[in-house]
């Protein structure tokens, strides 16, 4: 039956599209996680520098 063949093809196409969307979404999530990790590292470094500066200021007095 021709309609069944077309339906199968459409289902396969939809599956491929869904898989690609899922891959894009997980990539986007991974990128966001990387960006968040970078931000967190930057903040931690800044906090550390501030603490060092604070210690240095105290050491001078």
N, C-alpha and C. Protein backbone atom coordinates (compact mmCIF):
# COMPACT_ATOMS: atom_id res chain seq x y z
N UNK A 1 0.85 -1.20 0.00
CA UNK A 1 0.00 0.00 0.00
C UNK A 1 0.88 1.24 0.00
N UNK A 2 0.64 2.11 -0.95
CA UNK A 2 1.46 3.30 -1.14
C UNK A 2 1.38 4.26 0.06
N UNK A 3 0.19 4.42 0.59
CA UNK A 3 0.01 5.34 1.72
C UNK A 3 0.83 4.88 2.92
N UNK A 4 0.89 3.59 3.14
CA UNK A 4 1.66 3.07 4.27
C UNK A 4 3.14 3.36 4.09
N UNK A 5 3.63 3.20 2.85
CA UNK A 5 5.04 3.47 2.56
C UNK A 5 5.34 4.94 2.83
N UNK A 6 4.44 5.82 2.38
CA UNK A 6 4.64 7.26 2.59
C UNK A 6 4.59 7.60 4.08
N UNK A 7 3.68 6.97 4.79
CA UNK A 7 3.56 7.22 6.22
C UNK A 7 4.84 6.79 6.93
N UNK A 8 5.38 5.64 6.52
CA UNK A 8 6.63 5.15 7.12
C UNK A 8 7.76 6.13 6.86
N UNK A 9 7.83 6.64 5.61
CA UNK A 9 8.88 7.58 5.25
C UNK A 9 8.74 8.86 6.07
N UNK A 10 7.51 9.33 6.22
CA UNK A 10 7.26 10.55 7.00
C UNK A 10 7.66 10.34 8.45
N UNK A 11 7.35 9.16 8.98
CA UNK A 11 7.71 8.84 10.36
C UNK A 11 9.22 8.83 10.52
N UNK A 12 9.92 8.23 9.54
CA UNK A 12 11.37 8.18 9.59
C UNK A 12 11.95 9.59 9.55
N UNK A 13 11.41 10.44 8.66
CA UNK A 13 11.86 11.83 8.56
C UNK A 13 11.65 12.55 9.89
N UNK A 14 10.48 12.35 10.47
CA UNK A 14 10.16 13.01 11.74
C UNK A 14 11.12 12.55 12.83
N UNK A 15 11.45 11.26 12.79
CA UNK A 15 12.37 10.72 13.79
C UNK A 15 13.75 11.35 13.66
N UNK A 16 14.22 11.47 12.40
CA UNK A 16 15.52 12.08 12.16
C UNK A 16 15.51 13.54 12.63
N UNK A 17 14.44 14.26 12.28
CA UNK A 17 14.33 15.66 12.69
C UNK A 17 14.33 15.78 14.21
N UNK A 18 13.60 14.90 14.87
CA UNK A 18 13.54 14.93 16.33
C UNK A 18 14.91 14.65 16.93
N UNK A 19 15.63 13.70 16.33
CA UNK A 19 16.96 13.36 16.83
C UNK A 19 17.90 14.56 16.67
N UNK A 20 17.80 15.24 15.51
CA UNK A 20 18.66 16.41 15.29
C UNK A 20 18.33 17.52 16.28
N UNK A 21 17.03 17.73 16.51
CA UNK A 21 16.62 18.74 17.49
C UNK A 21 17.16 18.41 18.88
N UNK A 22 17.05 17.15 19.25
CA UNK A 22 17.54 16.72 20.56
C UNK A 22 19.04 16.94 20.66
N UNK A 23 19.76 16.63 19.57
CA UNK A 23 21.21 16.83 19.57
C UNK A 23 21.54 18.31 19.71
N UNK A 24 20.81 19.16 18.97
CA UNK A 24 21.02 20.61 19.07
C UNK A 24 20.75 21.08 20.49
N UNK A 25 19.67 20.59 21.08
CA UNK A 25 19.29 21.00 22.43
C UNK A 25 20.36 20.59 23.43
N UNK A 26 20.88 19.37 23.29
CA UNK A 26 21.88 18.93 24.27
C UNK A 26 23.18 19.70 24.06
N UNK A 27 23.48 20.05 22.80
CA UNK A 27 24.66 20.88 22.53
C UNK A 27 24.50 22.24 23.18
N UNK A 28 23.32 22.83 23.01
CA UNK A 28 23.04 24.14 23.60
C UNK A 28 23.15 24.08 25.12
N UNK A 29 22.63 23.01 25.69
CA UNK A 29 22.71 22.83 27.15
C UNK A 29 24.15 22.71 27.59
N UNK A 30 24.94 21.93 26.83
CA UNK A 30 26.35 21.76 27.17
C UNK A 30 27.08 23.09 27.08
N UNK A 31 26.78 23.88 26.04
CA UNK A 31 27.42 25.19 25.89
C UNK A 31 27.05 26.11 27.04
N UNK A 32 25.78 26.09 27.43
CA UNK A 32 25.33 26.91 28.55
C UNK A 32 26.03 26.48 29.83
N UNK A 33 26.18 25.18 30.01
CA UNK A 33 26.86 24.68 31.21
C UNK A 33 28.31 25.12 31.21
N UNK A 34 28.96 25.08 30.04
CA UNK A 34 30.35 25.54 29.93
C UNK A 34 30.44 27.01 30.30
N UNK A 35 29.54 27.80 29.75
CA UNK A 35 29.55 29.24 30.02
C UNK A 35 29.35 29.51 31.50
N UNK A 36 28.44 28.77 32.12
CA UNK A 36 28.19 28.92 33.56
C UNK A 36 29.43 28.55 34.36
N UNK A 37 30.08 27.46 33.95
CA UNK A 37 31.30 27.02 34.64
C UNK A 37 32.38 28.09 34.51
N UNK A 38 32.53 28.66 33.31
CA UNK A 38 33.52 29.72 33.10
C UNK A 38 33.23 30.91 34.01
N UNK A 39 31.96 31.32 34.04
CA UNK A 39 31.55 32.45 34.88
C UNK A 39 31.88 32.16 36.35
N UNK A 40 31.54 30.95 36.79
CA UNK A 40 31.78 30.56 38.18
C UNK A 40 33.27 30.61 38.49
N UNK A 41 34.08 30.10 37.55
CA UNK A 41 35.54 30.13 37.73
C UNK A 41 36.03 31.57 37.83
N UNK A 42 35.53 32.43 36.93
CA UNK A 42 35.93 33.84 36.96
C UNK A 42 35.60 34.46 38.31
N UNK A 43 34.38 34.20 38.80
CA UNK A 43 33.96 34.76 40.08
C UNK A 43 34.83 34.23 41.22
N UNK A 44 35.16 32.95 41.15
CA UNK A 44 36.00 32.36 42.19
C UNK A 44 37.39 32.99 42.16
N UNK A 45 37.93 33.18 40.95
CA UNK A 45 39.25 33.80 40.82
C UNK A 45 39.23 35.22 41.37
N UNK A 46 38.17 35.96 41.03
CA UNK A 46 38.04 37.33 41.49
C UNK A 46 37.96 37.37 43.02
N UNK A 47 37.18 36.47 43.59
CA UNK A 47 37.03 36.41 45.04
C UNK A 47 38.38 36.10 45.69
N UNK A 48 39.12 35.19 45.05
CA UNK A 48 40.43 34.81 45.57
C UNK A 48 41.38 36.01 45.53
N UNK A 49 41.37 36.72 44.39
CA UNK A 49 42.23 37.90 44.26
C UNK A 49 41.87 38.95 45.31
N UNK A 50 40.57 39.15 45.51
CA UNK A 50 40.13 40.11 46.52
C UNK A 50 40.59 39.70 47.91
N UNK A 51 40.52 38.40 48.19
CA UNK A 51 40.96 37.90 49.49
C UNK A 51 42.46 38.12 49.65
N UNK A 52 43.23 37.84 48.59
CA UNK A 52 44.68 38.04 48.63
C UNK A 52 44.99 39.51 48.88
N UNK A 53 44.28 40.37 48.15
CA UNK A 53 44.49 41.81 48.28
C UNK A 53 44.17 42.24 49.71
N UNK A 54 43.08 41.71 50.25
CA UNK A 54 42.66 42.01 51.61
C UNK A 54 43.75 41.59 52.60
N UNK A 55 44.29 40.38 52.41
CA UNK A 55 45.36 39.89 53.28
C UNK A 55 46.58 40.78 53.17
N UNK A 56 46.92 41.17 51.94
CA UNK A 56 48.09 42.01 51.71
C UNK A 56 47.91 43.36 52.40
N UNK A 57 46.71 43.93 52.28
CA UNK A 57 46.42 45.21 52.93
C UNK A 57 46.61 45.10 54.44
N UNK A 58 46.15 44.00 55.01
CA UNK A 58 46.28 43.80 56.45
C UNK A 58 47.73 43.61 56.85
N UNK A 59 48.49 42.91 56.01
CA UNK A 59 49.90 42.63 56.32
C UNK A 59 50.71 43.92 56.38
N UNK A 60 50.30 44.91 55.59
CA UNK A 60 51.06 46.17 55.54
C UNK A 60 50.84 47.01 56.78
N UNK A 61 49.71 46.82 57.45
CA UNK A 61 49.40 47.67 58.61
C UNK A 61 49.99 47.13 59.90
